[in-house]
N, C-alpha and C. Protein backbone atom coordinates (compact mmCIF):
# COMPACT_ATOMS: atom_id res chain seq x y z
N MET A 1 165.87 230.76 260.64
CA MET A 1 167.26 231.89 260.19
C MET A 1 167.82 232.43 260.53
N ALA A 2 167.26 233.44 261.79
CA ALA A 2 168.21 234.04 262.35
C ALA A 2 169.40 233.13 263.24
N LYS A 3 169.12 231.78 263.95
CA LYS A 3 169.98 231.12 264.61
C LYS A 3 171.25 230.59 263.31
N PHE A 4 170.52 230.56 262.33
CA PHE A 4 171.61 230.37 261.04
C PHE A 4 172.94 231.28 260.74
N PHE A 5 172.33 232.51 260.70
CA PHE A 5 172.87 233.52 260.98
C PHE A 5 173.68 234.19 261.91
N ILE A 6 173.66 233.82 263.01
CA ILE A 6 174.07 234.02 264.39
C ILE A 6 175.18 233.17 264.31
N LEU A 7 174.91 231.78 263.73
CA LEU A 7 175.90 231.01 264.10
C LEU A 7 177.02 230.84 263.37
N THR A 8 176.45 230.94 261.83
CA THR A 8 177.52 231.51 260.50
C THR A 8 178.22 232.17 261.24
N ALA A 9 177.74 233.69 261.30
CA ALA A 9 178.68 235.18 262.46
C ALA A 9 179.60 234.37 262.85
N PHE A 10 179.27 233.50 264.27
CA PHE A 10 180.12 233.28 264.90
C PHE A 10 181.42 232.61 264.67
N SER A 11 181.38 231.16 263.60
CA SER A 11 181.98 230.88 262.99
C SER A 11 183.03 231.74 262.61
N THR A 12 182.74 232.22 261.63
CA THR A 12 183.52 233.42 260.52
C THR A 12 184.61 233.94 260.99
N VAL A 13 183.83 234.24 262.62
CA VAL A 13 184.72 235.64 263.44
C VAL A 13 185.81 234.37 264.20
N PHE A 14 185.05 233.13 264.76
CA PHE A 14 186.23 232.15 265.17
C PHE A 14 187.47 231.90 264.33
N ILE A 15 186.60 231.47 263.34
CA ILE A 15 187.72 231.49 262.08
C ILE A 15 188.73 232.08 262.04
N PHE A 16 188.57 233.28 261.86
CA PHE A 16 189.16 234.59 261.57
C PHE A 16 190.09 234.84 262.46
N ASN A 17 189.62 234.94 263.86
CA ASN A 17 190.52 235.11 264.71
C ASN A 17 191.49 234.56 265.50
N SER A 18 191.26 232.93 264.83
CA SER A 18 192.04 231.94 265.53
C SER A 18 193.49 232.10 263.93
N SER A 19 193.41 232.82 263.22
CA SER A 19 193.89 232.57 262.00
C SER A 19 194.71 233.65 262.36
N LEU A 20 194.74 234.69 262.85
CA LEU A 20 195.37 235.82 263.54
C LEU A 20 196.23 235.54 264.74
N LEU A 21 196.15 235.06 265.38
CA LEU A 21 196.97 234.55 266.21
C LEU A 21 197.92 233.40 266.16
N ALA A 22 197.95 232.73 264.69
CA ALA A 22 198.94 231.66 264.68
C ALA A 22 200.26 232.26 264.16
N GLN A 23 201.31 231.81 264.77
CA GLN A 23 202.69 232.24 264.75
C GLN A 23 203.31 230.73 263.76
N LYS A 24 203.08 231.08 262.58
CA LYS A 24 203.19 230.16 261.56
C LYS A 24 204.86 230.53 260.90
N VAL A 25 205.45 229.47 260.93
CA VAL A 25 206.64 229.92 260.21
C VAL A 25 207.23 228.69 259.49
N PHE A 26 207.99 229.20 258.79
CA PHE A 26 208.89 228.47 257.80
C PHE A 26 210.23 228.82 257.45
N LYS A 27 211.31 227.85 257.62
CA LYS A 27 212.99 227.49 257.45
C LYS A 27 213.00 228.03 256.23
N VAL A 28 213.84 229.59 255.66
CA VAL A 28 214.02 229.21 254.77
C VAL A 28 215.61 229.18 254.31
N ASN A 29 216.03 228.93 253.05
CA ASN A 29 217.41 228.42 252.52
C ASN A 29 218.35 229.56 252.61
N TYR A 30 217.92 230.72 251.97
CA TYR A 30 218.82 231.95 252.39
C TYR A 30 218.43 233.18 253.06
N GLU A 31 219.53 233.56 253.61
CA GLU A 31 219.23 234.64 254.55
C GLU A 31 218.36 235.94 253.72
N SER A 32 218.36 236.17 252.36
CA SER A 32 218.08 237.08 251.58
C SER A 32 216.28 237.19 251.90
N GLN A 33 215.60 235.99 251.95
CA GLN A 33 214.44 235.26 251.76
C GLN A 33 213.89 235.41 253.03
N ALA A 34 214.39 235.95 253.95
CA ALA A 34 214.17 235.78 255.74
C ALA A 34 213.46 237.16 256.24
N ASP A 35 212.53 236.70 256.79
CA ASP A 35 212.01 237.91 258.15
C ASP A 35 212.71 238.38 259.16
N ILE A 36 213.13 237.42 259.60
CA ILE A 36 214.33 237.38 261.13
C ILE A 36 215.33 236.05 260.62
N LYS A 37 216.02 236.21 261.48
CA LYS A 37 217.72 235.39 261.41
C LYS A 37 216.92 234.96 262.89
N ILE A 38 217.62 233.82 262.92
CA ILE A 38 217.70 233.00 264.32
C ILE A 38 218.81 232.29 264.48
N TYR A 39 219.36 232.11 266.07
CA TYR A 39 220.02 231.72 266.60
C TYR A 39 219.93 230.57 268.15
N VAL A 40 220.13 229.68 267.66
CA VAL A 40 219.42 228.70 268.47
C VAL A 40 220.34 228.49 269.40
N VAL A 41 220.69 228.82 270.86
CA VAL A 41 221.30 229.15 271.96
C VAL A 41 221.10 227.40 272.84
N SER A 42 222.15 227.44 273.26
CA SER A 42 222.39 226.43 274.09
C SER A 42 221.98 226.03 275.38
N TYR A 43 221.84 227.26 275.94
CA TYR A 43 221.11 226.99 277.24
C TYR A 43 219.81 228.24 277.56
N GLU A 44 218.94 227.96 277.83
CA GLU A 44 217.76 228.78 278.23
C GLU A 44 218.05 230.70 278.64
N SER A 45 218.95 230.49 279.86
CA SER A 45 219.11 231.45 280.29
C SER A 45 219.91 232.33 278.94
N GLN A 46 220.76 232.24 278.05
CA GLN A 46 220.94 232.86 276.88
C GLN A 46 220.18 233.13 276.30
N ALA A 47 218.65 232.69 276.07
CA ALA A 47 217.72 233.33 274.70
C ALA A 47 217.32 234.40 274.93
N ASP A 48 216.23 235.29 274.24
CA ASP A 48 215.52 235.88 274.06
C ASP A 48 213.99 235.44 274.07
N LEU A 49 213.67 234.41 273.57
CA LEU A 49 212.70 233.78 273.16
C LEU A 49 212.65 232.15 273.69
N ASN A 50 211.76 231.71 274.12
CA ASN A 50 211.85 230.19 274.43
C ASN A 50 210.53 229.72 273.54
N VAL A 51 211.19 228.89 272.68
CA VAL A 51 209.97 228.21 271.53
C VAL A 51 209.77 226.72 271.57
N TYR A 52 208.28 226.67 271.89
CA TYR A 52 207.92 224.87 272.05
C TYR A 52 206.91 225.10 270.38
N MET A 53 207.39 223.74 269.30
CA MET A 53 207.16 223.50 268.32
C MET A 53 205.63 222.65 268.63
N VAL A 54 204.32 223.26 268.04
CA VAL A 54 203.50 222.62 268.28
C VAL A 54 202.62 221.82 267.13
N GLU A 55 201.99 220.65 267.57
CA GLU A 55 201.58 220.05 266.10
C GLU A 55 200.51 220.79 265.52
N TYR A 56 199.39 221.59 265.92
CA TYR A 56 198.59 221.54 265.59
C TYR A 56 198.91 223.34 265.28
N GLU A 57 197.88 223.82 264.22
CA GLU A 57 198.06 225.16 263.81
C GLU A 57 197.62 226.09 265.19
N SER A 58 196.50 225.54 265.11
CA SER A 58 195.26 226.06 266.37
C SER A 58 195.69 226.32 267.71
N HIS A 59 197.06 225.39 268.05
CA HIS A 59 198.14 225.86 269.30
C HIS A 59 198.50 226.56 269.37
N ALA A 60 199.13 227.00 268.16
CA ALA A 60 199.97 228.30 268.19
C ALA A 60 199.40 229.59 268.54
N ASP A 61 199.10 229.84 269.52
CA ASP A 61 198.11 231.02 269.73
C ASP A 61 198.32 231.76 270.87
N LYS A 62 199.70 231.76 271.17
CA LYS A 62 201.18 232.84 271.83
C LYS A 62 202.52 232.66 271.38
N ASP A 63 203.19 233.94 272.02
CA ASP A 63 204.35 234.13 271.38
C ASP A 63 205.10 232.71 272.19
N GLY A 64 205.93 232.25 271.48
CA GLY A 64 206.59 230.95 271.15
C GLY A 64 206.22 229.93 271.32
N LEU A 65 205.07 229.94 270.73
CA LEU A 65 204.56 228.56 270.16
C LEU A 65 204.68 228.86 268.60
N TRP A 66 205.23 228.28 268.30
CA TRP A 66 205.35 228.06 266.55
C TRP A 66 204.58 226.48 266.29
N TYR A 67 204.52 226.77 264.91
CA TYR A 67 204.03 225.87 264.04
C TYR A 67 204.82 226.07 262.99
N ASN A 68 205.28 225.05 261.86
CA ASN A 68 205.74 224.91 261.14
C ASN A 68 204.96 224.37 259.81
N VAL A 69 204.95 225.26 258.85
CA VAL A 69 203.97 225.07 257.41
C VAL A 69 204.60 224.62 256.35
N ALA A 70 204.25 223.67 255.57
CA ALA A 70 204.70 223.32 254.67
C ALA A 70 205.24 224.24 253.53
N TYR A 71 204.60 225.49 253.16
CA TYR A 71 204.97 226.16 252.27
C TYR A 71 205.17 227.71 252.42
N GLU A 72 205.99 228.14 252.05
CA GLU A 72 206.24 230.02 252.55
C GLU A 72 205.09 230.32 252.55
N SER A 73 204.37 230.53 251.69
CA SER A 73 203.37 231.23 251.40
C SER A 73 202.44 231.44 252.61
N GLN A 74 202.36 230.13 253.37
CA GLN A 74 201.47 229.88 254.49
C GLN A 74 202.26 230.50 255.74
N ALA A 75 203.53 231.31 255.88
CA ALA A 75 204.03 231.31 256.95
C ALA A 75 203.54 233.36 257.19
N ASP A 76 203.48 233.27 258.68
CA ASP A 76 203.83 234.66 259.48
C ASP A 76 204.92 235.14 258.97
N PHE A 77 206.16 233.99 259.31
CA PHE A 77 207.43 234.44 259.72
C PHE A 77 208.25 233.43 258.53
N LYS A 78 209.16 233.78 258.05
CA LYS A 78 209.84 233.34 257.50
C LYS A 78 211.83 233.41 258.28
N LEU A 79 212.24 232.24 258.67
CA LEU A 79 213.38 232.23 259.42
C LEU A 79 214.54 231.59 258.68
N TYR A 80 215.53 232.79 259.10
CA TYR A 80 216.91 231.77 258.36
C TYR A 80 217.44 231.74 259.88
N PHE A 81 218.07 230.47 260.15
CA PHE A 81 218.74 230.01 261.11
C PHE A 81 220.35 230.07 260.62
N VAL A 82 221.34 231.08 261.15
CA VAL A 82 222.15 231.43 261.20
C VAL A 82 223.42 230.86 262.29
N GLU A 83 224.44 230.47 261.84
CA GLU A 83 225.92 229.95 262.09
C GLU A 83 225.99 230.45 263.74
N TYR A 84 226.12 232.01 263.88
CA TYR A 84 226.81 232.50 264.83
C TYR A 84 225.69 233.49 265.45
N GLU A 85 225.99 233.76 266.78
CA GLU A 85 225.05 234.66 267.40
C GLU A 85 224.92 236.19 266.95
N SER A 86 226.34 236.37 266.71
CA SER A 86 226.73 238.28 266.06
C SER A 86 225.13 237.96 264.66
N GLN A 87 225.25 236.99 264.24
CA GLN A 87 224.83 237.30 262.63
C GLN A 87 223.25 237.44 263.16
N SER A 88 222.55 236.71 264.36
CA SER A 88 221.18 236.58 264.54
C SER A 88 220.08 238.05 265.18
N ASP A 89 218.69 237.83 264.99
CA ASP A 89 218.05 238.97 265.30
C ASP A 89 217.71 238.54 266.26
N LEU A 90 217.01 237.44 266.85
CA LEU A 90 216.41 236.76 267.62
C LEU A 90 217.63 235.66 268.10
N LYS A 91 217.70 235.19 269.46
CA LYS A 91 218.11 234.01 270.04
C LYS A 91 217.35 233.08 270.45
N ILE A 92 217.08 231.97 270.40
CA ILE A 92 216.21 231.08 270.94
C ILE A 92 216.52 230.01 271.61
N TYR A 93 215.31 229.29 272.39
CA TYR A 93 215.89 228.18 273.06
C TYR A 93 214.93 227.36 272.79
N PHE A 94 214.69 225.77 272.16
CA PHE A 94 213.56 225.05 272.34
C PHE A 94 213.48 224.31 273.42
N VAL A 95 212.30 224.93 274.14
CA VAL A 95 211.79 223.79 275.41
C VAL A 95 211.07 222.77 275.34
N ASP A 96 210.78 222.03 276.21
CA ASP A 96 210.19 220.60 275.97
C ASP A 96 208.80 220.45 276.36
N TYR A 97 208.30 221.81 276.94
CA TYR A 97 206.91 222.15 277.37
C TYR A 97 206.91 223.00 276.83
N GLN A 98 205.29 223.32 276.42
CA GLN A 98 204.72 224.30 276.11
C GLN A 98 204.07 225.96 277.12
N SER A 99 204.17 225.31 278.19
CA SER A 99 204.02 226.13 279.18
C SER A 99 205.07 227.30 279.44
N GLN A 100 206.55 226.36 279.30
CA GLN A 100 207.36 227.06 279.04
C GLN A 100 207.95 227.77 277.97
N ALA A 101 207.28 227.94 277.02
CA ALA A 101 207.30 228.76 276.22
C ALA A 101 207.24 230.49 276.03
N GLY A 102 207.98 231.04 275.58
CA GLY A 102 207.75 232.87 276.07
C GLY A 102 208.67 233.38 275.68
N TRP A 103 208.57 235.02 276.29
CA TRP A 103 209.80 236.16 275.93
C TRP A 103 210.44 235.92 277.50
N LYS A 104 211.62 236.06 277.01
CA LYS A 104 212.53 235.79 277.97
C LYS A 104 213.53 237.50 277.88
N ASN A 105 213.41 238.21 276.85
CA ASN A 105 213.66 239.46 276.33
C ASN A 105 212.94 240.56 275.75
N LYS A 106 211.94 241.11 276.71
CA LYS A 106 211.19 241.64 276.15
C LYS A 106 211.35 242.48 275.14
N SER A 107 212.57 243.26 274.88
CA SER A 107 212.76 243.93 274.08
C SER A 107 212.66 243.64 272.82
N LYS A 108 212.57 242.53 272.57
CA LYS A 108 212.71 241.90 271.35
C LYS A 108 211.96 241.32 270.75
N GLU A 109 210.32 241.49 271.25
CA GLU A 109 209.01 241.07 271.26
C GLU A 109 208.60 241.69 269.94
N HIS A 110 208.95 242.91 269.32
CA HIS A 110 208.52 243.62 268.35
C HIS A 110 208.93 242.56 267.27
N LEU A 111 210.07 242.10 267.16
CA LEU A 111 210.43 241.09 266.27
C LEU A 111 209.19 239.60 265.55
N LEU A 112 208.67 239.68 266.44
CA LEU A 112 207.49 238.69 266.17
C LEU A 112 206.38 239.35 266.62
N LYS A 113 205.93 240.11 266.34
CA LYS A 113 204.58 240.53 266.75
C LYS A 113 203.64 240.17 265.68
N PHE A 114 202.09 239.17 265.77
CA PHE A 114 201.22 238.83 265.00
C PHE A 114 201.25 239.50 263.72
N LYS A 115 201.56 239.41 262.54
CA LYS A 115 201.37 240.20 261.71
C LYS A 115 199.76 240.71 261.38
N ASN A 116 199.04 240.07 261.42
CA ASN A 116 197.77 240.03 261.64
C ASN A 116 196.92 241.34 262.46
N GLN A 117 197.67 241.58 263.38
CA GLN A 117 197.22 242.10 264.76
C GLN A 117 197.34 243.90 264.54
C-alpha cells in the first residue's frame, strides 16, 4: 500500500510539473485577443527569441520551444502575428533545430515567463 501511495504521489508531481513547464501557444485572429504581439523576422540576428515548434507538449520544456494547441483555452500564451516590426512586443525567428531555440535578447524574457511559475 505504501508503494502504491508513493508511486501515485510521484506520478502526480511529475504530471503537474510537466504541465507547468510547457509553452503552449495559440494563434488568435485579432490583436485584442492576444497576450503578445509577434513579428517574425527574416534573419536570426534580428530576433529577440529563436523558436522551434515541437511535436509533443512534453517537449516544450524551455523558452523558445513552443507547442501549438488546438483550442485557445488550452494555451499558456495567445499570440497575434503583426505585419510590421514596430507593432510587435516580441520578434522571433523560427529555427530548424530544437537546440537552437532560446533567448537572444534577455530583456524580453518577462513576456514569455511560464504563467504557472
